[in-house]
């Protein structure tokens, strides 16, 4: 498989991943889901393909840790399967997640500052 085909395959995989596979089930009824935390402005998409805390609240740090651990494992699997660097997968995932974030959710700008997506 040439590099272009690998990149297309990675992009397709990441499209599916960004659409909701990083939404761990809450351990308890009071736990936040990723979608709830994003909608409430507690977390946002970072430039490195992971989520970060925008505003802390109970359960947010654990959610961020859980989601980022899942993402890292999936990114490693994709990188290994396609024989591409992990940081390439992370960058593609970040671009996809930031582009797909709905208006009003937090994302990092090119300088790493949190902004609400217009």
PDB file of N, CA and C in Angstrom:
ATOM      1  N   UNK A   1       0.859  -1.164   0.000  1.00  0.00           N
ATOM      2  CA  UNK A   1       0.000   0.000   0.000  1.00  0.00           C
ATOM      3  C   UNK A   1       0.908   1.229   0.000  1.00  0.00           C
ATOM      4  N   UNK A   2       0.665   2.116  -0.923  1.00  0.00           N
ATOM      5  CA  UNK A   2       1.512   3.292  -0.946  1.00  0.00           C
ATOM      6  C   UNK A   2       1.076   4.298   0.115  1.00  0.00           C
ATOM      7  N   UNK A   3       1.890   5.309   0.261  1.00  0.00           N
ATOM      8  CA  UNK A   3       1.664   6.285   1.332  1.00  0.00           C
ATOM      9  C   UNK A   3       0.308   6.983   1.207  1.00  0.00           C
ATOM     10  N   UNK A   4      -0.090   7.352  -0.005  1.00  0.00           N
ATOM     11  CA  UNK A   4      -1.374   8.028  -0.204  1.00  0.00           C
ATOM     12  C   UNK A   4      -2.530   7.125   0.222  1.00  0.00           C
ATOM     13  N   UNK A   5      -2.477   5.869  -0.164  1.00  0.00           N
ATOM     14  CA  UNK A   5      -3.543   4.949   0.222  1.00  0.00           C
ATOM     15  C   UNK A   5      -3.587   4.761   1.735  1.00  0.00           C
ATOM     16  N   UNK A   6      -2.417   4.694   2.346  1.00  0.00           N
ATOM     17  CA  UNK A   6      -2.372   4.567   3.808  1.00  0.00           C
ATOM     18  C   UNK A   6      -3.001   5.787   4.469  1.00  0.00           C
ATOM     19  N   UNK A   7      -2.669   6.963   3.956  1.00  0.00           N
ATOM     20  CA  UNK A   7      -3.199   8.190   4.549  1.00  0.00           C
ATOM     21  C   UNK A   7      -4.715   8.250   4.369  1.00  0.00           C
ATOM     22  N   UNK A   8      -5.211   7.821   3.225  1.00  0.00           N
ATOM     23  CA  UNK A   8      -6.655   7.797   3.000  1.00  0.00           C
ATOM     24  C   UNK A   8      -7.317   6.812   3.963  1.00  0.00           C
ATOM     25  N   UNK A   9      -6.701   5.654   4.159  1.00  0.00           N
ATOM     26  CA  UNK A   9      -7.240   4.670   5.092  1.00  0.00           C
ATOM     27  C   UNK A   9      -7.250   5.231   6.512  1.00  0.00           C
ATOM     28  N   UNK A  10      -6.183   5.895   6.891  1.00  0.00           N
ATOM     29  CA  UNK A  10      -6.104   6.486   8.230  1.00  0.00           C
ATOM     30  C   UNK A  10      -7.165   7.564   8.389  1.00  0.00           C
ATOM     31  N   UNK A  11      -7.325   8.385   7.365  1.00  0.00           N
ATOM     32  CA  UNK A  11      -8.324   9.460   7.429  1.00  0.00           C
ATOM     33  C   UNK A  11      -9.723   8.869   7.587  1.00  0.00           C
ATOM     34  N   UNK A  12     -10.015   7.812   6.865  1.00  0.00           N
ATOM     35  CA  UNK A  12     -11.320   7.161   6.972  1.00  0.00           C
ATOM     36  C   UNK A  12     -11.533   6.586   8.367  1.00  0.00           C
ATOM     37  N   UNK A  13     -10.515   5.944   8.909  1.00  0.00           N
ATOM     38  CA  UNK A  13     -10.624   5.402  10.268  1.00  0.00           C
ATOM     39  C   UNK A  13     -10.857   6.513  11.279  1.00  0.00           C
ATOM     40  N   UNK A  14     -10.117   7.579  11.136  1.00  0.00           N
ATOM     41  CA  UNK A  14     -10.255   8.683  12.082  1.00  0.00           C
ATOM     42  C   UNK A  14     -11.611   9.353  11.967  1.00  0.00           C
ATOM     43  N   UNK A  15     -12.174   9.387  10.776  1.00  0.00           N
ATOM     44  CA  UNK A  15     -13.509   9.971  10.614  1.00  0.00           C
ATOM     45  C   UNK A  15     -14.508   9.233  11.485  1.00  0.00           C
ATOM     46  N   UNK A  16     -14.426   7.918  11.483  1.00  0.00           N
ATOM     47  CA  UNK A  16     -15.323   7.131  12.315  1.00  0.00           C
ATOM     48  C   UNK A  16     -15.049   7.309  13.784  1.00  0.00           C
ATOM     49  N   UNK A  17     -13.789   7.417  14.130  1.00  0.00           N
ATOM     50  CA  UNK A  17     -13.426   7.546  15.535  1.00  0.00           C
ATOM     51  C   UNK A  17     -13.897   8.856  16.111  1.00  0.00           C
ATOM     52  N   UNK A  18     -13.758   9.910  15.336  1.00  0.00           N
ATOM     53  CA  UNK A  18     -14.129  11.231  15.831  1.00  0.00           C
ATOM     54  C   UNK A  18     -15.638  11.350  15.975  1.00  0.00           C
ATOM     55  N   UNK A  19     -16.378  10.532  15.268  1.00  0.00           N
ATOM     56  CA  UNK A  19     -17.836  10.632  15.316  1.00  0.00           C
ATOM     57  C   UNK A  19     -18.459  10.075  16.584  1.00  0.00           C
ATOM     58  N   UNK A  20     -17.679   9.594  17.506  1.00  0.00           N
ATOM     59  CA  UNK A  20     -18.312   9.190  18.746  1.00  0.00           C
ATOM     60  C   UNK A  20     -17.753   7.969  19.429  1.00  0.00           C
ATOM     61  N   UNK A  21     -16.711   7.419  18.911  1.00  0.00           N
ATOM     62  CA  UNK A  21     -16.161   6.263  19.589  1.00  0.00           C
ATOM     63  C   UNK A  21     -15.399   6.629  20.843  1.00  0.00           C
ATOM     64  N   UNK A  22     -15.225   7.907  21.085  1.00  0.00           N
ATOM     65  CA  UNK A  22     -14.492   8.345  22.266  1.00  0.00           C
ATOM     66  C   UNK A  22     -15.448   8.854  23.316  1.00  0.00           C
ATOM     67  N   UNK A  23     -16.552   8.234  23.423  1.00  0.00           N
ATOM     68  CA  UNK A  23     -17.548   8.649  24.403  1.00  0.00           C
ATOM     69  C   UNK A  23     -17.780   7.506  25.372  1.00  0.00           C
ATOM     70  N   UNK A  24     -16.905   7.380  26.361  1.00  0.00           N
ATOM     71  CA  UNK A  24     -17.054   6.273  27.288  1.00  0.00           C
ATOM     72  C   UNK A  24     -18.377   6.347  28.030  1.00  0.00           C
ATOM     73  N   UNK A  25     -18.902   5.189  28.308  1.00  0.00           N
ATOM     74  CA  UNK A  25     -20.143   5.131  29.074  1.00  0.00           C
ATOM     75  C   UNK A  25     -19.873   5.626  30.484  1.00  0.00           C
ATOM     76  N   UNK A  26     -20.786   6.391  31.024  1.00  0.00           N
ATOM     77  CA  UNK A  26     -20.581   6.866  32.392  1.00  0.00           C
ATOM     78  C   UNK A  26     -20.627   5.717  33.387  1.00  0.00           C
ATOM     79  N   UNK A  27     -19.744   5.783  34.376  1.00  0.00           N
ATOM     80  CA  UNK A  27     -19.682   4.747  35.395  1.00  0.00           C
ATOM     81  C   UNK A  27     -20.871   4.852  36.340  1.00  0.00           C
ATOM     82  N   UNK A  28     -21.378   6.017  36.483  1.00  0.00           N
ATOM     83  CA  UNK A  28     -22.533   6.233  37.344  1.00  0.00           C
ATOM     84  C   UNK A  28     -23.470   7.215  36.652  1.00  0.00           C
ATOM     85  N   UNK A  29     -24.677   7.269  37.123  1.00  0.00           N
ATOM     86  CA  UNK A  29     -25.659   8.136  36.492  1.00  0.00           C
ATOM     87  C   UNK A  29     -25.223   9.596  36.502  1.00  0.00           C
ATOM     88  N   UNK A  30     -24.428   9.980  37.490  1.00  0.00           N
ATOM     89  CA  UNK A  30     -24.007  11.373  37.599  1.00  0.00           C
ATOM     90  C   UNK A  30     -22.791  11.682  36.744  1.00  0.00           C
ATOM     91  N   UNK A  31     -22.161  10.699  36.146  1.00  0.00           N
ATOM     92  CA  UNK A  31     -20.946  10.924  35.372  1.00  0.00           C
ATOM     93  C   UNK A  31     -21.254  11.658  34.086  1.00  0.00           C
ATOM     94  N   UNK A  32     -20.286  12.455  33.683  1.00  0.00           N
ATOM     95  CA  UNK A  32     -20.398  13.185  32.430  1.00  0.00           C
ATOM     96  C   UNK A  32     -20.030  12.287  31.265  1.00  0.00           C
ATOM     97  N   UNK A  33     -20.695  12.472  30.152  1.00  0.00           N
ATOM     98  CA  UNK A  33     -20.232  11.871  28.915  1.00  0.00           C
ATOM     99  C   UNK A  33     -19.365  12.907  28.223  1.00  0.00           C
ATOM    100  N   UNK A  34     -18.618  12.466  27.251  1.00  0.00           N
ATOM    101  CA  UNK A  34     -17.792  13.400  26.489  1.00  0.00           C
ATOM    102  C   UNK A  34     -18.655  14.463  25.830  1.00  0.00           C
ATOM    103  N   UNK A  35     -19.765  14.048  25.253  1.00  0.00           N
ATOM    104  CA  UNK A  35     -20.636  15.008  24.568  1.00  0.00           C
ATOM    105  C   UNK A  35     -21.200  16.041  25.543  1.00  0.00           C
ATOM    106  N   UNK A  36     -21.571  15.602  26.739  1.00  0.00           N
ATOM    107  CA  UNK A  36     -22.073  16.542  27.749  1.00  0.00           C
ATOM    108  C   UNK A  36     -20.979  17.526  28.150  1.00  0.00           C
ATOM    109  N   UNK A  37     -19.787  17.012  28.382  1.00  0.00           N
ATOM    110  CA  UNK A  37     -18.678  17.874  28.801  1.00  0.00           C
ATOM    111  C   UNK A  37     -18.314  18.883  27.711  1.00  0.00           C
ATOM    112  N   UNK A  38     -18.362  18.455  26.457  1.00  0.00           N
ATOM    113  CA  UNK A  38     -18.079  19.377  25.357  1.00  0.00           C
ATOM    114  C   UNK A  38     -19.183  20.430  25.261  1.00  0.00           C
ATOM    115  N   UNK A  39     -20.425  20.007  25.341  1.00  0.00           N
ATOM    116  CA  UNK A  39     -21.547  20.933  25.207  1.00  0.00           C
ATOM    117  C   UNK A  39     -21.578  21.953  26.345  1.00  0.00           C
ATOM    118  N   UNK A  40     -21.107  21.550  27.532  1.00  0.00           N
ATOM    119  CA  UNK A  40     -21.119  22.448  28.683  1.00  0.00           C
ATOM    120  C   UNK A  40     -19.848  23.283  28.786  1.00  0.00           C
ATOM    121  N   UNK A  41     -18.931  23.089  27.847  1.00  0.00           N
ATOM    122  CA  UNK A  41     -17.721  23.904  27.817  1.00  0.00           C
ATOM    123  C   UNK A  41     -16.653  23.474  28.806  1.00  0.00           C
ATOM    124  N   UNK A  42     -16.743  22.262  29.315  1.00  0.00           N
ATOM    125  CA  UNK A  42     -15.735  21.780  30.258  1.00  0.00           C
ATOM    126  C   UNK A  42     -14.478  21.273  29.554  1.00  0.00           C
ATOM    127  N   UNK A  43     -14.638  20.733  28.361  1.00  0.00           N
ATOM    128  CA  UNK A  43     -13.503  20.185  27.622  1.00  0.00           C
ATOM    129  C   UNK A  43     -13.550  20.673  26.186  1.00  0.00           C
ATOM    130  N   UNK A  44     -12.387  20.579  25.541  1.00  0.00           N
ATOM    131  CA  UNK A  44     -12.306  20.952  24.137  1.00  0.00           C
ATOM    132  C   UNK A  44     -11.288  20.100  23.414  1.00  0.00           C
ATOM    133  N   UNK A  45     -11.323  20.197  22.104  1.00  0.00           N
ATOM    134  CA  UNK A  45     -10.395  19.444  21.257  1.00  0.00           C
ATOM    135  C   UNK A  45      -9.074  20.198  21.165  1.00  0.00           C
ATOM    136  N   UNK A  46      -7.989  19.479  21.417  1.00  0.00           N
ATOM    137  CA  UNK A  46      -6.659  20.076  21.379  1.00  0.00           C
ATOM    138  C   UNK A  46      -5.990  19.845  20.026  1.00  0.00           C
ATOM    139  N   UNK A  47      -4.917  20.549  19.781  1.00  0.00           N
ATOM    140  CA  UNK A  47      -4.170  20.455  18.531  1.00  0.00           C
ATOM    141  C   UNK A  47      -3.404  19.149  18.401  1.00  0.00           C
ATOM    142  N   UNK A  48      -3.301  18.402  19.495  1.00  0.00           N
ATOM    143  CA  UNK A  48      -2.528  17.160  19.457  1.00  0.00           C
ATOM    144  C   UNK A  48      -3.380  15.906  19.292  1.00  0.00           C
ATOM    145  N   UNK A  49      -4.680  16.075  19.051  1.00  0.00           N
ATOM    146  CA  UNK A  49      -5.554  14.928  18.838  1.00  0.00           C
ATOM    147  C   UNK A  49      -6.220  14.409  20.094  1.00  0.00           C
ATOM    148  N   UNK A  50      -6.026  15.105  21.177  1.00  0.00           N
ATOM    149  CA  UNK A  50      -6.604  14.682  22.452  1.00  0.00           C
ATOM    150  C   UNK A  50      -7.522  15.790  22.962  1.00  0.00           C
ATOM    151  N   UNK A  51      -8.268  15.509  24.042  1.00  0.00           N
ATOM    152  CA  UNK A  51      -9.101  16.541  24.624  1.00  0.00           C
ATOM    153  C   UNK A  51      -8.386  17.131  25.826  1.00  0.00           C
ATOM    154  N   UNK A  52      -8.750  18.358  26.140  1.00  0.00           N
ATOM    155  CA  UNK A  52      -8.167  19.034  27.281  1.00  0.00           C
ATOM    156  C   UNK A  52      -9.241  19.699  28.115  1.00  0.00           C
ATOM    157  N   UNK A  53      -8.884  20.024  29.351  1.00  0.00           N
ATOM    158  CA  UNK A  53      -9.814  20.669  30.267  1.00  0.00           C
ATOM    159  C   UNK A  53      -9.833  22.167  29.981  1.00  0.00           C
ATOM    160  N   UNK A  54     -11.011  22.675  29.707  1.00  0.00           N
ATOM    161  CA  UNK A  54     -11.201  24.114  29.518  1.00  0.00           C
ATOM    162  C   UNK A  54     -11.619  24.726  30.848  1.00  0.00           C
ATOM    163  N   UNK A  55     -12.535  24.053  31.526  1.00  0.00           N
ATOM    164  CA  UNK A  55     -13.042  24.511  32.818  1.00  0.00           C
ATOM    165  C   UNK A  55     -13.266  23.271  33.674  1.00  0.00           C
ATOM    166  N   UNK A  56     -12.636  23.224  34.812  1.00  0.00           N
ATOM    167  CA  UNK A  56     -12.732  22.025  35.627  1.00  0.00           C
ATOM    168  C   UNK A  56     -14.056  21.958  36.379  1.00  0.00           C
ATOM    169  N   UNK A  57     -14.514  20.761  36.566  1.00  0.00           N
ATOM    170  CA  UNK A  57     -15.736  20.470  37.315  1.00  0.00           C
ATOM    171  C   UNK A  57     -15.607  19.023  37.785  1.00  0.00           C
ATOM    172  N   UNK A  58     -16.432  18.606  38.740  1.00  0.00           N
ATOM    173  CA  UNK A  58     -16.351  17.223  39.204  1.00  0.00           C
ATOM    174  C   UNK A  58     -16.481  16.230  38.046  1.00  0.00           C
ATOM    175  N   UNK A  59     -15.561  15.297  37.989  1.00  0.00           N
ATOM    176  CA  UNK A  59     -15.594  14.242  36.991  1.00  0.00           C
ATOM    177  C   UNK A  59     -14.909  14.564  35.679  1.00  0.00           C
ATOM    178  N   UNK A  60     -14.560  15.815  35.467  1.00  0.00           N
ATOM    179  CA  UNK A  60     -13.978  16.215  34.181  1.00  0.00           C
ATOM    180  C   UNK A  60     -12.567  15.645  34.004  1.00  0.00           C
ATOM    181  N   UNK A  61     -11.744  15.748  35.020  1.00  0.00           N
ATOM    182  CA  UNK A  61     -10.365  15.249  34.904  1.00  0.00           C
ATOM    183  C   UNK A  61     -10.348  13.752  34.602  1.00  0.00           C
ATOM    184  N   UNK A  62     -11.207  12.993  35.265  1.00  0.00           N
ATOM    185  CA  UNK A  62     -11.265  11.547  35.020  1.00  0.00           C
ATOM    186  C   UNK A  62     -11.758  11.257  33.610  1.00  0.00           C
ATOM    187  N   UNK A  63     -12.744  12.001  33.155  1.00  0.00           N
ATOM    188  CA  UNK A  63     -13.259  11.827  31.796  1.00  0.00           C
ATOM    189  C   UNK A  63     -12.166  12.105  30.772  1.00  0.00           C
ATOM    190  N   UNK A  64     -11.440  13.199  30.945  1.00  0.00           N
ATOM    191  CA  UNK A  64     -10.357  13.556  30.017  1.00  0.00           C
ATOM    192  C   UNK A  64      -9.301  12.450  29.998  1.00  0.00           C
ATOM    193  N   UNK A  65      -8.934  11.977  31.174  1.00  0.00           N
ATOM    194  CA  UNK A  65      -7.940  10.904  31.254  1.00  0.00           C
ATOM    195  C   UNK A  65      -8.429   9.641  30.533  1.00  0.00           C
ATOM    196  N   UNK A  66      -9.672   9.254  30.778  1.00  0.00           N
ATOM    197  CA  UNK A  66     -10.222   8.041  30.156  1.00  0.00           C
ATOM    198  C   UNK A  66     -10.283   8.166  28.625  1.00  0.00           C
ATOM    199  N   UNK A  67     -10.800   9.288  28.159  1.00  0.00           N
ATOM    200  CA  UNK A  67     -10.934   9.486  26.711  1.00  0.00           C
ATOM    201  C   UNK A  67      -9.558   9.516  26.049  1.00  0.00           C
ATOM    202  N   UNK A  68      -8.620  10.223  26.668  1.00  0.00           N
ATOM    203  CA  UNK A  68      -7.293  10.333  26.055  1.00  0.00           C
ATOM    204  C   UNK A  68      -6.537   8.998  26.056  1.00  0.00           C
ATOM    205  N   UNK A  69      -6.740   8.194  27.080  1.00  0.00           N
ATOM    206  CA  UNK A  69      -6.129   6.854  27.074  1.00  0.00           C
ATOM    207  C   UNK A  69      -6.689   6.011  25.933  1.00  0.00           C
ATOM    208  N   UNK A  70      -7.997   6.079  25.734  1.00  0.00           N
ATOM    209  CA  UNK A  70      -8.616   5.337  24.630  1.00  0.00           C
ATOM    210  C   UNK A  70      -8.115   5.844  23.280  1.00  0.00           C
ATOM    211  N   UNK A  71      -8.046   7.160  23.149  1.00  0.00           N
ATOM    212  CA  UNK A  71      -7.571   7.722  21.886  1.00  0.00           C
ATOM    213  C   UNK A  71      -6.135   7.306  21.605  1.00  0.00           C
ATOM    214  N   UNK A  72      -5.273   7.399  22.614  1.00  0.00           N
ATOM    215  CA  UNK A  72      -3.867   7.050  22.402  1.00  0.00           C
ATOM    216  C   UNK A  72      -3.723   5.599  21.931  1.00  0.00           C
ATOM    217  N   UNK A  73      -4.482   4.712  22.552  1.00  0.00           N
ATOM    218  CA  UNK A  73      -4.403   3.307  22.147  1.00  0.00           C
ATOM    219  C   UNK A  73      -4.872   3.133  20.699  1.00  0.00           C
ATOM    220  N   UNK A  74      -5.974   3.783  20.340  1.00  0.00           N
ATOM    221  CA  UNK A  74      -6.471   3.681  18.967  1.00  0.00           C
ATOM    222  C   UNK A  74      -5.500   4.317  17.978  1.00  0.00           C
ATOM    223  N   UNK A  75      -4.944   5.449  18.324  1.00  0.00           N
ATOM    224  CA  UNK A  75      -3.967   6.108  17.434  1.00  0.00           C
ATOM    225  C   UNK A  75      -2.742   5.209  17.245  1.00  0.00           C
ATOM    226  N   UNK A  76      -2.289   4.592  18.328  1.00  0.00           N
ATOM    227  CA  UNK A  76      -1.140   3.676  18.211  1.00  0.00           C
ATOM    228  C   UNK A  76      -1.465   2.500  17.299  1.00  0.00           C
ATOM    229  N   UNK A  77      -2.657   1.950  17.449  1.00  0.00           N
ATOM    230  CA  UNK A  77      -3.060   0.825  16.593  1.00  0.00           C
ATOM    231  C   UNK A  77      -3.096   1.236  15.126  1.00  0.00           C
ATOM    232  N   UNK A  78      -3.658   2.394  14.851  1.00  0.00           N
ATOM    233  CA  UNK A  78      -3.748   2.887  13.469  1.00  0.00           C
ATOM    234  C   UNK A  78      -2.347   3.142  12.920  1.00  0.00           C
ATOM    235  N   UNK A  79      -1.505   3.774  13.716  1.00  0.00           N
ATOM    236  CA  UNK A  79      -0.137   4.066  13.270  1.00  0.00           C
ATOM    237  C   UNK A  79       0.624   2.777  12.967  1.00  0.00           C
ATOM    238  N   UNK A  80       0.509   1.822  13.854  1.00  0.00           N
ATOM    239  CA  UNK A  80       1.216   0.546  13.679  1.00  0.00           C
ATOM    240  C   UNK A  80       0.687  -0.192  12.451  1.00  0.00           C
ATOM    241  N   UNK A  81      -0.618  -0.253  12.314  1.00  0.00           N
ATOM    242  CA  UNK A  81      -1.233  -0.976  11.203  1.00  0.00           C
ATOM    243  C   UNK A  81      -0.853  -0.362   9.859  1.00  0.00           C
ATOM    244  N   UNK A  82      -0.711   0.957   9.822  1.00  0.00           N
ATOM    245  CA  UNK A  82      -0.432   1.646   8.569  1.00  0.00           C
ATOM    246  C   UNK A  82       1.028   2.056   8.418  1.00  0.00           C
ATOM    247  N   UNK A  83       1.832   1.673   9.390  1.00  0.00           N
ATOM    248  CA  UNK A  83       3.261   1.958   9.362  1.00  0.00           C
ATOM    249  C   UNK A  83       3.545   3.449   9.149  1.00  0.00           C
ATOM    250  N   UNK A  84       2.877   4.254   9.940  1.00  0.00           N
ATOM    251  CA  UNK A  84       3.101   5.701   9.900  1.00  0.00           C
ATOM    252  C   UNK A  84       3.355   6.174  11.327  1.00  0.00           C
ATOM    253  N   UNK A  85       3.996   7.316  11.462  1.00  0.00           N
ATOM    254  CA  UNK A  85       4.301   7.810  12.817  1.00  0.00           C
ATOM    255  C   UNK A  85       3.041   8.142  13.626  1.00  0.00           C
ATOM    256  N   UNK A  86       3.123   7.902  14.921  1.00  0.00           N
ATOM    257  CA  UNK A  86       2.006   8.214  15.820  1.00  0.00           C
ATOM    258  C   UNK A  86       1.608   9.681  15.715  1.00  0.00           C
ATOM    259  N   UNK A  87       2.586  10.566  15.633  1.00  0.00           N
ATOM    260  CA  UNK A  87       2.235  11.998  15.601  1.00  0.00           C
ATOM    261  C   UNK A  87       1.500  12.380  14.320  1.00  0.00           C
ATOM    262  N   UNK A  88       1.681  11.614  13.251  1.00  0.00           N
ATOM    263  CA  UNK A  88       0.913  11.866  12.027  1.00  0.00           C
ATOM    264  C   UNK A  88      -0.554  11.525  12.255  1.00  0.00           C
ATOM    265  N   UNK A  89      -0.795  10.401  12.911  1.00  0.00           N
ATOM    266  CA  UNK A  89      -2.172  10.005  13.217  1.00  0.00           C
ATOM    267  C   UNK A  89      -2.805  11.021  14.167  1.00  0.00           C
ATOM    268  N   UNK A  90      -2.049  11.430  15.186  1.00  0.00           N
ATOM    269  CA  UNK A  90      -2.575  12.406  16.145  1.00  0.00           C
ATOM    270  C   UNK A  90      -2.942  13.717  15.452  1.00  0.00           C
ATOM    271  N   UNK A  91      -2.097  14.172  14.551  1.00  0.00           N
ATOM    272  CA  UNK A  91      -2.358  15.435  13.842  1.00  0.00           C
ATOM    273  C   UNK A  91      -3.589  15.310  12.942  1.00  0.00           C
ATOM    274  N   UNK A  92      -3.715  14.194  12.225  1.00  0.00           N
ATOM    275  CA  UNK A  92      -4.895  13.979  11.381  1.00  0.00           C
ATOM    276  C   UNK A  92      -6.165  13.937  12.231  1.00  0.00           C
ATOM    277  N   UNK A  93      -6.085  13.271  13.367  1.00  0.00           N
ATOM    278  CA  UNK A  93      -7.246  13.181  14.257  1.00  0.00           C
ATOM    279  C   UNK A  93      -7.619  14.555  14.808  1.00  0.00           C
ATOM    280  N   UNK A  94      -6.620  15.339  15.170  1.00  0.00           N
ATOM    281  CA  UNK A  94      -6.884  16.686  15.686  1.00  0.00           C
ATOM    282  C   UNK A  94      -7.579  17.536  14.627  1.00  0.00           C
ATOM    283  N   UNK A  95      -7.055  17.505  13.415  1.00  0.00           N
ATOM    284  CA  UNK A  95      -7.664  18.292  12.333  1.00  0.00           C
ATOM    285  C   UNK A  95      -9.118  17.883  12.129  1.00  0.00           C
ATOM    286  N   UNK A  96      -9.352  16.585  12.118  1.00  0.00           N
ATOM    287  CA  UNK A  96     -10.706  16.074  11.902  1.00  0.00           C
ATOM    288  C   UNK A  96     -11.633  16.478  13.047  1.00  0.00           C
ATOM    289  N   UNK A  97     -11.189  16.295  14.272  1.00  0.00           N
ATOM    290  CA  UNK A  97     -12.030  16.602  15.432  1.00  0.00           C
ATOM    291  C   UNK A  97     -12.332  18.091  15.524  1.00  0.00           C
ATOM    292  N   UNK A  98     -11.339  18.916  15.269  1.00  0.00           N
ATOM    293  CA  UNK A  98     -11.544  20.368  15.350  1.00  0.00           C
ATOM    294  C   UNK A  98     -12.489  20.827  14.241  1.00  0.00           C
ATOM    295  N   UNK A  99     -12.311  20.272  13.044  1.00  0.00           N
ATOM    296  CA  UNK A  99     -13.201  20.648  11.944  1.00  0.00           C
ATOM    297  C   UNK A  99     -14.630  20.195  12.178  1.00  0.00           C
ATOM    298  N   UNK A 100     -14.804  19.065  12.842  1.00  0.00           N
ATOM    299  CA  UNK A 100     -16.147  18.515  13.068  1.00  0.00           C
ATOM    300  C   UNK A 100     -16.817  19.069  14.326  1.00  0.00           C
ATOM    301  N   UNK A 101     -16.078  19.746  15.166  1.00  0.00           N
ATOM    302  CA  UNK A 101     -16.677  20.289  16.393  1.00  0.00           C
ATOM    303  C   UNK A 101     -17.779  21.273  16.013  1.00  0.00           C
ATOM    304  N   UNK A 102     -18.922  21.144  16.653  1.00  0.00           N
ATOM    305  CA  UNK A 102     -20.012  22.069  16.332  1.00  0.00           C
ATOM    306  C   UNK A 102     -19.751  23.472  16.871  1.00  0.00           C
ATOM    307  N   UNK A 103     -20.470  24.412  16.305  1.00  0.00           N
ATOM    308  CA  UNK A 103     -20.386  25.805  16.733  1.00  0.00           C
ATOM    309  C   UNK A 103     -20.662  25.898  18.237  1.00  0.00           C
ATOM    310  N   UNK A 104     -19.847  26.680  18.918  1.00  0.00           N
ATOM    311  CA  UNK A 104     -20.037  26.898  20.345  1.00  0.00           C
ATOM    312  C   UNK A 104     -19.167  26.022  21.230  1.00  0.00           C
ATOM    313  N   UNK A 105     -18.599  24.956  20.675  1.00  0.00           N
ATOM    314  CA  UNK A 105     -17.704  24.113  21.476  1.00  0.00           C
ATOM    315  C   UNK A 105     -16.291  24.666  21.434  1.00  0.00           C
ATOM    316  N   UNK A 106     -15.526  24.320  22.463  1.00  0.00           N
ATOM    317  CA  UNK A 106     -14.156  24.810  22.561  1.00  0.00           C
ATOM    318  C   UNK A 106     -13.193  23.950  21.753  1.00  0.00           C
ATOM    319  N   UNK A 107     -12.296  24.640  21.067  1.00  0.00           N
ATOM    320  CA  UNK A 107     -11.197  24.002  20.343  1.00  0.00           C
ATOM    321  C   UNK A 107      -9.970  24.884  20.549  1.00  0.00           C
ATOM    322  N   UNK A 108      -8.800  24.314  20.339  1.00  0.00           N
ATOM    323  CA  UNK A 108      -7.588  25.130  20.421  1.00  0.00           C
ATOM    324  C   UNK A 108      -7.331  25.791  19.065  1.00  0.00           C
ATOM    325  N   UNK A 109      -6.916  27.061  19.126  1.00  0.00           N
ATOM    326  CA  UNK A 109      -6.514  27.728  17.893  1.00  0.00           C
ATOM    327  C   UNK A 109      -5.051  27.389  17.591  1.00  0.00           C
ATOM    328  N   UNK A 110      -4.525  27.943  16.531  1.00  0.00           N
ATOM    329  CA  UNK A 110      -3.158  27.625  16.101  1.00  0.00           C
ATOM    330  C   UNK A 110      -2.117  27.953  17.166  1.00  0.00           C
ATOM    331  N   UNK A 111      -2.443  28.872  18.088  1.00  0.00           N
ATOM    332  CA  UNK A 111      -1.529  29.244  19.171  1.00  0.00           C
ATOM    333  C   UNK A 111      -1.722  28.398  20.423  1.00  0.00           C
ATOM    334  N   UNK A 112      -2.714  27.519  20.394  1.00  0.00           N
ATOM    335  CA  UNK A 112      -2.975  26.674  21.552  1.00  0.00           C
ATOM    336  C   UNK A 112      -3.932  27.286  22.555  1.00  0.00           C
ATOM    337  N   UNK A 113      -4.528  28.414  22.200  1.00  0.00           N
ATOM    338  CA  UNK A 113      -5.502  29.053  23.089  1.00  0.00           C
ATOM    339  C   UNK A 113      -6.884  28.440  22.861  1.00  0.00           C
ATOM    340  N   UNK A 114      -7.666  28.363  23.933  1.00  0.00           N
ATOM    341  CA  UNK A 114      -9.038  27.868  23.799  1.00  0.00           C
ATOM    342  C   UNK A 114      -9.914  28.948  23.206  1.00  0.00           C
ATOM    343  N   UNK A 115     -10.653  28.579  22.183  1.00  0.00           N
ATOM    344  CA  UNK A 115     -11.629  29.491  21.581  1.00  0.00           C
ATOM    345  C   UNK A 115     -12.924  28.715  21.376  1.00  0.00           C
ATOM    346  N   UNK A 116     -14.033  29.434  21.424  1.00  0.00           N
ATOM    347  CA  UNK A 116     -15.316  28.813  21.066  1.00  0.00           C
ATOM    348  C   UNK A 116     -15.413  28.824  19.555  1.00  0.00           C
ATOM    349  N   UNK A 117     -15.735  27.702  19.002  1.00  0.00           N
ATOM    350  CA  UNK A 117     -15.838  27.615  17.555  1.00  0.00           C
ATOM    351  C   UNK A 117     -17.032  28.461  17.102  1.00  0.00           C
ATOM    352  N   UNK A 118     -16.788  29.343  16.121  1.00  0.00           N
ATOM    353  CA  UNK A 118     -17.891  30.213  15.654  1.00  0.00           C
ATOM    354  C   UNK A 118     -19.005  29.423  14.977  1.00  0.00           C
TER     355      UNK A 118
END
